[in-house]
């Protein structure tokens, strides 16, 4: 177990680092987690035991889905308000941690709700409620970011909110929690991390320091993700777990791009896993963004850095290695449903991170992109 520091926040890495929970002072703690996996693996019980060594009271809220919704967050918040914890611990995938982030902020600012929250005027700090993030998957990097993504169940869209108050006080990167990930989850979450790193690298706002984070994450993920998915060796799982956190730092600094705009639209519409949606879309957007000279130059630099002819082709090859579908149609998404929802998917794809894409999108261009990633057609218009 090793302690690091970044931006005034505590980062703990190494096998068995879940035990660091016993060092966090609190009076009452609430653990927020997803479905059954963390409970069945014994992680939640161990976390409770570590926390209870401090002599405080610990409760658990379980039931966050793969796309945290306003309903799930509000249900958990009602329980949290009754418990009044001064420490919230998010354990599990990125969805559980994002939900826990949102709940912690709402707990500290009870006047806020999903109806009156102003994305441009969010509280900038938490003083009374501490937050610890313990990821069990290797993809979202949310333990390193000041972003929360949730699904608005009434509007059927994904919403991303950003404030320093969302950033965890403690990020615990214990590779042992990732060792039970099935191969497909390791692949999908790893491709999510690769998307974060590539979109950060091609983002027009890239700076020299963030470039190092993004490029390092890209190199590491291309190298270690196939082994992490196929053999689940401890070394490969540990490497990917750390590189996805580095990718999180990169995109937290500069933002993302159109992959996420489209992914959030498809994901909210059909309740798709975020990682698999990003994985499908990534090469299409990389190819499209080549029409921007700066982005094209960055992709050539990445190709040279990795020692490959074409990084876009390498991303497609990686999808094949990881058994990621070529398109949403190949994934099994109904064409009838897609055609029915096409206009709404297109409109929602124009929102969020798409505004940061190297190539500014018109709705007509976006409609072509939405069709391309569904049917798996070439980006040749």
Protein backbone atom coordinates (compact mmCIF):
# COMPACT_ATOMS: atom_id res chain seq x y z
CA UNK A 1 0.00 0.00 0.00
CA UNK A 2 1.38 3.38 -1.02
CA UNK A 3 -0.04 6.86 -0.52
CA UNK A 4 0.19 9.52 -3.22
CA UNK A 5 -1.13 13.06 -3.40
CA UNK A 6 -2.74 14.95 -6.27
CA UNK A 7 -4.47 18.31 -6.09
CA UNK A 8 -4.65 18.04 -2.33
CA UNK A 9 -6.51 14.72 -2.47
CA UNK A 10 -5.30 11.39 -1.11
CA UNK A 11 -4.62 8.55 -3.54
CA UNK A 12 -3.83 5.09 -2.20
CA UNK A 13 -2.53 2.34 -4.49
CA UNK A 14 -1.37 -1.25 -4.07
CA UNK A 15 -2.86 -4.65 -3.37
CA UNK A 16 -4.91 -4.71 -0.22
CA UNK A 17 -5.23 -0.92 -0.10
CA UNK A 18 -8.94 -1.23 0.75
CA UNK A 19 -7.60 -1.52 4.29
CA UNK A 20 -6.80 2.20 4.17
CA UNK A 21 -10.46 2.79 5.06
CA UNK A 22 -9.55 2.16 8.70
CA UNK A 23 -7.42 5.32 8.62
CA UNK A 24 -10.25 7.68 7.62
CA UNK A 25 -11.80 9.50 10.61
CA UNK A 26 -15.60 9.64 10.78
CA UNK A 27 -18.59 9.29 13.10
CA UNK A 28 -21.11 7.77 10.70
CA UNK A 29 -20.33 6.27 7.29
CA UNK A 30 -22.55 5.09 4.46
CA UNK A 31 -21.28 2.80 1.71
CA UNK A 32 -22.97 3.18 -1.68
CA UNK A 33 -22.59 0.28 -4.10
CA UNK A 34 -24.17 -1.40 -7.12
CA UNK A 35 -25.74 -4.83 -7.44
CA UNK A 36 -24.59 -8.08 -5.88
CA UNK A 37 -20.98 -8.48 -7.01
CA UNK A 38 -19.24 -6.47 -4.30
CA UNK A 39 -21.36 -8.13 -1.61
CA UNK A 40 -20.85 -11.65 -2.95
CA UNK A 41 -17.09 -11.16 -3.25
CA UNK A 42 -16.85 -10.09 0.38
CA UNK A 43 -15.60 -6.59 -0.44
CA UNK A 44 -18.48 -4.82 1.29
CA UNK A 45 -18.11 -6.87 4.46
CA UNK A 46 -14.37 -6.17 4.54
CA UNK A 47 -14.99 -2.47 3.98
CA UNK A 48 -17.51 -2.39 6.82
CA UNK A 49 -15.07 -4.17 9.13
CA UNK A 50 -12.24 -1.77 8.30
CA UNK A 51 -14.45 1.25 8.88
CA UNK A 52 -15.84 -0.11 12.12
CA UNK A 53 -12.31 -0.38 13.52
CA UNK A 54 -12.58 3.40 13.90
CA UNK A 55 -15.53 2.91 16.24
CA UNK A 56 -18.06 4.63 13.98
CA UNK A 57 -21.43 3.44 12.74
CA UNK A 58 -21.58 2.05 9.19
CA UNK A 59 -24.57 1.48 6.89
CA UNK A 60 -24.82 0.23 3.30
CA UNK A 61 -27.01 1.36 0.40
CA UNK A 62 -27.05 -1.16 -2.44
CA UNK A 63 -28.81 -1.10 -5.80
CA UNK A 64 -27.21 1.40 -8.21
CA UNK A 65 -27.61 0.20 -11.82
CA UNK A 66 -25.16 0.39 -14.70
CA UNK A 67 -26.47 3.85 -15.59
CA UNK A 68 -27.27 5.70 -12.35
CA UNK A 69 -30.63 7.38 -12.59
CA UNK A 70 -32.23 10.31 -10.85
CA UNK A 71 -34.63 7.82 -9.24
CA UNK A 72 -31.87 5.63 -7.81
CA UNK A 73 -29.88 8.58 -6.55
CA UNK A 74 -32.89 10.19 -4.89
CA UNK A 75 -33.97 6.92 -3.28
CA UNK A 76 -30.52 6.47 -1.78
CA UNK A 77 -30.39 10.10 -0.71
CA UNK A 78 -33.58 9.75 1.34
CA UNK A 79 -31.94 6.93 3.30
CA UNK A 80 -28.74 8.94 3.57
CA UNK A 81 -30.61 11.93 4.99
CA UNK A 82 -31.99 9.70 7.74
CA UNK A 83 -28.57 8.23 8.53
CA UNK A 84 -26.72 11.61 8.35
CA UNK A 85 -23.24 10.22 7.57
CA UNK A 86 -20.19 12.46 7.68
CA UNK A 87 -18.37 10.00 5.37
CA UNK A 88 -19.73 8.56 2.12
CA UNK A 89 -17.85 5.68 0.49
CA UNK A 90 -18.61 4.73 -3.13
CA UNK A 91 -17.52 1.15 -3.87
CA UNK A 92 -17.98 -0.57 -7.23
CA UNK A 93 -18.11 0.50 -10.84
CA UNK A 94 -18.20 4.06 -12.06
CA UNK A 95 -21.98 4.20 -11.82
CA UNK A 96 -22.02 3.46 -8.09
CA UNK A 97 -19.28 6.00 -7.47
CA UNK A 98 -21.00 8.69 -9.56
CA UNK A 99 -24.25 8.10 -7.69
CA UNK A 100 -22.41 8.33 -4.38
CA UNK A 101 -20.77 11.60 -5.47
CA UNK A 102 -24.14 13.11 -6.29
CA UNK A 103 -25.71 11.88 -3.06
CA UNK A 104 -22.85 13.31 -0.96
CA UNK A 105 -23.26 16.75 -2.53
CA UNK A 106 -27.06 16.73 -2.13
CA UNK A 107 -26.60 15.69 1.49
CA UNK A 108 -24.36 18.67 2.21
CA UNK A 109 -26.64 21.06 0.30
CA UNK A 110 -30.20 19.90 1.10
CA UNK A 111 -31.75 22.84 -0.75
CA UNK A 112 -30.56 21.31 -4.05
CA UNK A 113 -32.54 18.83 -6.12
CA UNK A 114 -32.62 17.66 -9.74
CA UNK A 115 -35.25 20.26 -10.61
CA UNK A 116 -33.36 23.33 -9.38
CA UNK A 117 -29.73 22.30 -9.85
CA UNK A 118 -27.90 24.83 -12.03
CA UNK A 119 -24.97 23.32 -13.97
CA UNK A 120 -23.35 26.75 -14.18
CA UNK A 121 -23.69 27.56 -10.49
CA UNK A 122 -22.93 24.41 -8.50
CA UNK A 123 -21.44 24.50 -5.00
CA UNK A 124 -17.66 24.44 -5.25
CA UNK A 125 -16.75 22.49 -2.12
CA UNK A 126 -17.85 19.98 0.49
CA UNK A 127 -16.93 20.85 4.08
CA UNK A 128 -19.02 18.53 6.23
CA UNK A 129 -19.29 15.31 4.20
CA UNK A 130 -16.09 13.50 3.26
CA UNK A 131 -16.07 11.21 0.24
CA UNK A 132 -13.97 8.14 -0.59
CA UNK A 133 -14.06 6.37 -3.97
CA UNK A 134 -13.09 2.71 -4.32
CA UNK A 135 -13.41 1.52 -7.94
CA UNK A 136 -13.84 -2.18 -8.67
CA UNK A 137 -13.72 -1.79 -12.46
CA UNK A 138 -10.99 -0.21 -14.55
CA UNK A 139 -12.48 2.33 -16.89
CA UNK A 140 -14.37 5.41 -15.79
CA UNK A 141 -11.60 7.14 -13.82
CA UNK A 142 -14.34 8.83 -11.82
CA UNK A 143 -12.28 8.48 -8.64
CA UNK A 144 -9.95 11.09 -10.17
CA UNK A 145 -12.50 13.52 -11.57
CA UNK A 146 -14.89 16.26 -10.54
CA UNK A 147 -17.62 14.97 -12.85
CA UNK A 148 -20.87 13.10 -12.23
CA UNK A 149 -22.90 11.51 -15.03
CA UNK A 150 -26.47 10.40 -14.40
CA UNK A 151 -29.54 9.53 -16.46
CA UNK A 152 -32.50 11.89 -16.27
CA UNK A 153 -35.32 9.35 -16.33
CA UNK A 154 -37.95 11.94 -17.31
CA UNK A 155 -36.06 13.44 -20.25
CA UNK A 156 -34.35 10.16 -21.23
CA UNK A 157 -30.92 11.79 -21.50
CA UNK A 158 -27.60 11.53 -19.73
CA UNK A 159 -26.47 14.62 -17.89
CA UNK A 160 -22.87 15.43 -16.94
CA UNK A 161 -22.26 17.90 -14.12
CA UNK A 162 -18.87 19.23 -13.05
CA UNK A 163 -17.70 20.85 -9.84
CA UNK A 164 -14.65 20.50 -7.55
CA UNK A 165 -17.13 19.47 -4.84
CA UNK A 166 -17.57 16.13 -6.64
CA UNK A 167 -13.88 15.26 -6.45
CA UNK A 168 -13.24 12.48 -3.90
CA UNK A 169 -11.18 13.25 -0.82
CA UNK A 170 -9.74 9.74 -1.02
CA UNK A 171 -9.24 7.50 -4.07
CA UNK A 172 -8.37 3.90 -3.20
CA UNK A 173 -7.02 1.87 -6.13
CA UNK A 174 -6.93 -1.72 -4.87
CA UNK A 175 -6.31 -4.08 -7.78
CA UNK A 176 -7.66 -7.00 -5.73
CA UNK A 177 -11.17 -5.65 -6.30
CA UNK A 178 -10.74 -5.96 -10.07
CA UNK A 179 -9.59 -9.58 -10.17
CA UNK A 180 -13.13 -10.98 -10.31
CA UNK A 181 -14.17 -8.84 -13.31
CA UNK A 182 -15.41 -11.08 -16.17
CA UNK A 183 -13.40 -10.76 -19.42
CA UNK A 184 -16.12 -8.76 -21.19
CA UNK A 185 -16.37 -6.22 -18.35
CA UNK A 186 -12.58 -5.88 -18.23
CA UNK A 187 -12.62 -5.27 -22.00
CA UNK A 188 -15.49 -2.80 -22.02
CA UNK A 189 -14.29 -0.74 -19.07
CA UNK A 190 -10.75 -0.73 -20.44
CA UNK A 191 -12.00 0.60 -23.77
CA UNK A 192 -13.85 3.29 -21.84
CA UNK A 193 -10.51 4.35 -20.35
CA UNK A 194 -8.82 4.29 -23.76
CA UNK A 195 -11.59 6.51 -25.11
CA UNK A 196 -11.02 8.97 -22.27
CA UNK A 197 -7.30 9.14 -23.02
CA UNK A 198 -7.67 9.50 -26.80
CA UNK A 199 -10.43 12.11 -26.57
CA UNK A 200 -8.35 14.08 -24.07
CA UNK A 201 -5.30 13.87 -26.36
CA UNK A 202 -7.19 15.08 -29.44
CA UNK A 203 -9.09 17.74 -27.48
CA UNK A 204 -8.24 21.27 -28.72
CA UNK A 205 -7.59 22.32 -25.13
CA UNK A 206 -4.77 19.83 -24.57
CA UNK A 207 -1.83 21.26 -22.61
CA UNK A 208 1.72 19.98 -22.31
CA UNK A 209 1.27 18.34 -18.90
CA UNK A 210 -2.04 16.67 -19.73
CA UNK A 211 -0.50 15.41 -22.96
CA UNK A 212 1.91 13.32 -20.89
CA UNK A 213 -0.94 11.80 -18.88
CA UNK A 214 -3.06 11.07 -21.95
CA UNK A 215 -0.25 9.65 -24.07
CA UNK A 216 1.02 7.47 -21.21
CA UNK A 217 -2.45 6.07 -20.61
CA UNK A 218 -2.94 5.33 -24.31
CA UNK A 219 0.36 3.47 -24.52
CA UNK A 220 -0.29 1.50 -21.34
CA UNK A 221 -3.83 0.52 -22.25
CA UNK A 222 -2.92 -0.66 -25.74
CA UNK A 223 -0.18 -2.79 -24.17
CA UNK A 224 -1.97 -4.28 -21.16
CA UNK A 225 -5.70 -4.34 -21.93
CA UNK A 226 -5.69 -7.48 -24.11
CA UNK A 227 -3.94 -9.49 -21.38
CA UNK A 228 -6.19 -8.04 -18.69
CA UNK A 229 -9.22 -9.26 -20.60
CA UNK A 230 -7.88 -12.63 -21.75
CA UNK A 231 -5.84 -13.92 -18.78
CA UNK A 232 -6.78 -11.59 -15.90
CA UNK A 233 -3.20 -11.76 -14.62
CA UNK A 234 -2.64 -9.68 -11.51
CA UNK A 235 0.03 -7.62 -13.27
CA UNK A 236 -2.18 -6.75 -16.23
CA UNK A 237 -5.19 -5.95 -14.06
CA UNK A 238 -3.04 -3.72 -11.87
CA UNK A 239 -1.52 -1.91 -14.85
CA UNK A 240 -4.91 -1.26 -16.44
CA UNK A 241 -6.35 -0.12 -13.11
CA UNK A 242 -3.66 2.53 -12.78
CA UNK A 243 -3.66 3.59 -16.44
CA UNK A 244 -7.43 4.13 -16.37
CA UNK A 245 -6.92 6.46 -13.40
CA UNK A 246 -4.28 8.36 -15.36
CA UNK A 247 -6.75 8.63 -18.26
CA UNK A 248 -9.25 10.03 -15.75
CA UNK A 249 -6.79 12.73 -14.75
CA UNK A 250 -6.26 13.61 -18.42
CA UNK A 251 -9.89 14.07 -19.35
CA UNK A 252 -10.65 15.82 -16.07
CA UNK A 253 -8.14 18.46 -17.13
CA UNK A 254 -9.30 19.14 -20.69
CA UNK A 255 -12.60 17.36 -21.40
CA UNK A 256 -13.71 14.75 -23.90
CA UNK A 257 -15.42 14.85 -27.30
CA UNK A 258 -18.02 13.47 -29.67
CA UNK A 259 -17.57 9.81 -28.72
CA UNK A 260 -19.08 10.63 -25.37
CA UNK A 261 -21.81 12.80 -26.82
CA UNK A 262 -23.03 9.93 -29.00
CA UNK A 263 -22.38 7.29 -26.35
CA UNK A 264 -24.45 9.12 -23.76
CA UNK A 265 -27.31 9.41 -26.24
CA UNK A 266 -27.35 5.70 -27.16
CA UNK A 267 -26.71 4.72 -23.55
CA UNK A 268 -29.59 6.70 -22.11
CA UNK A 269 -31.98 5.58 -24.84
CA UNK A 270 -31.27 1.84 -24.51
CA UNK A 271 -29.66 1.52 -21.05
CA UNK A 272 -26.39 0.36 -22.59
CA UNK A 273 -23.16 -0.05 -20.67
CA UNK A 274 -21.07 3.09 -21.12
CA UNK A 275 -17.88 1.21 -21.90
CA UNK A 276 -19.29 -0.94 -24.70
CA UNK A 277 -20.95 2.09 -26.30
CA UNK A 278 -17.68 4.05 -26.26
CA UNK A 279 -15.79 1.05 -27.61
CA UNK A 280 -18.09 0.74 -30.62
CA UNK A 281 -18.02 4.45 -31.45
CA UNK A 282 -14.36 5.31 -30.87
CA UNK A 283 -12.74 4.39 -34.24
CA UNK A 284 -15.54 6.06 -36.22
CA UNK A 285 -15.04 9.38 -34.43
CA UNK A 286 -11.25 9.15 -34.69
CA UNK A 287 -11.62 8.68 -38.46
CA UNK A 288 -14.07 11.57 -38.73
CA UNK A 289 -11.87 13.91 -36.68
CA UNK A 290 -8.99 13.45 -39.13
CA UNK A 291 -10.57 16.24 -41.20
CA UNK A 292 -9.31 18.62 -38.52
CA UNK A 293 -5.58 19.21 -39.27
CA UNK A 294 -4.59 19.49 -35.62
CA UNK A 295 -6.43 16.31 -34.62
CA UNK A 296 -5.01 14.48 -37.65
CA UNK A 297 -1.51 15.55 -36.63
CA UNK A 298 -2.03 14.30 -33.10
CA UNK A 299 -3.25 10.92 -34.37
CA UNK A 300 -0.12 10.64 -36.55
CA UNK A 301 2.04 11.46 -33.53
CA UNK A 302 0.28 8.76 -31.51
CA UNK A 303 0.81 6.25 -34.31
CA UNK A 304 4.52 7.03 -34.39
CA UNK A 305 4.76 6.93 -30.61
CA UNK A 306 3.15 3.48 -30.47
CA UNK A 307 5.21 2.27 -33.43
CA UNK A 308 2.18 1.46 -35.57
CA UNK A 309 1.10 2.53 -39.04
CA UNK A 310 -2.33 3.84 -38.12
CA UNK A 311 -3.69 4.16 -34.59
CA UNK A 312 -7.28 4.10 -35.87
CA UNK A 313 -6.67 0.68 -37.43
CA UNK A 314 -5.04 -0.43 -34.17
CA UNK A 315 -8.12 0.66 -32.22
CA UNK A 316 -10.27 -1.41 -34.57
CA UNK A 317 -7.93 -4.40 -34.17
CA UNK A 318 -8.13 -4.02 -30.42
CA UNK A 319 -11.93 -4.13 -30.61
CA UNK A 320 -11.68 -7.42 -32.49
CA UNK A 321 -9.24 -8.86 -29.92
CA UNK A 322 -11.63 -7.90 -27.15
CA UNK A 323 -14.71 -9.23 -28.97
CA UNK A 324 -16.32 -5.78 -29.15
CA UNK A 325 -19.05 -5.53 -31.83
CA UNK A 326 -18.27 -3.49 -34.93
CA UNK A 327 -21.54 -1.57 -34.71
CA UNK A 328 -24.71 -1.20 -32.66
CA UNK A 329 -26.57 -3.27 -35.23
CA UNK A 330 -24.03 -6.06 -34.83
CA UNK A 331 -24.46 -5.71 -31.09
CA UNK A 332 -28.11 -6.69 -31.59
CA UNK A 333 -29.84 -3.33 -31.26
CA UNK A 334 -33.13 -3.53 -33.15
CA UNK A 335 -33.21 -1.60 -36.42
CA UNK A 336 -36.90 -0.87 -35.89
CA UNK A 337 -36.12 0.68 -32.50
CA UNK A 338 -33.20 2.62 -33.94
CA UNK A 339 -35.26 4.08 -36.78
CA UNK A 340 -38.06 4.95 -34.39
CA UNK A 341 -35.66 6.76 -32.06
CA UNK A 342 -33.28 8.13 -34.70
CA UNK A 343 -34.21 11.81 -34.42
CA UNK A 344 -34.05 11.80 -30.65
CA UNK A 345 -30.70 9.98 -30.63
CA UNK A 346 -29.33 12.52 -33.10
CA UNK A 347 -30.57 15.52 -31.14
CA UNK A 348 -29.18 14.19 -27.86
CA UNK A 349 -25.84 13.33 -29.49
CA UNK A 350 -25.35 17.04 -30.13
CA UNK A 351 -25.30 17.69 -26.37
CA UNK A 352 -22.64 17.46 -23.70
CA UNK A 353 -19.07 16.61 -24.67
CA UNK A 354 -19.79 16.97 -28.40
CA UNK A 355 -19.30 20.72 -27.91
CA UNK A 356 -15.60 20.02 -27.19
CA UNK A 357 -15.00 17.89 -30.27
CA UNK A 358 -12.16 19.01 -32.59
CA UNK A 359 -14.62 19.17 -35.50
CA UNK A 360 -17.73 21.21 -34.73
CA UNK A 361 -20.82 19.26 -35.70
CA UNK A 362 -23.92 20.30 -37.58
CA UNK A 363 -27.04 18.27 -37.02
CA UNK A 364 -26.86 16.89 -40.56
CA UNK A 365 -23.30 15.67 -39.96
CA UNK A 366 -24.32 14.18 -36.64
CA UNK A 367 -27.19 12.32 -38.27
CA UNK A 368 -24.67 10.68 -40.61
CA UNK A 369 -22.44 9.77 -37.66
CA UNK A 370 -25.33 8.28 -35.71
CA UNK A 371 -26.20 6.11 -38.72
CA UNK A 372 -22.56 5.14 -39.30
CA UNK A 373 -22.05 3.77 -35.79
CA UNK A 374 -25.37 1.94 -35.94
CA UNK A 375 -24.88 0.28 -39.33
CA UNK A 376 -21.07 0.07 -39.25
CA UNK A 377 -20.61 2.06 -42.45
CA UNK A 378 -17.44 3.85 -43.54
CA UNK A 379 -16.77 7.48 -42.65
CA UNK A 380 -16.43 8.59 -46.26
CA UNK A 381 -18.81 11.52 -46.71
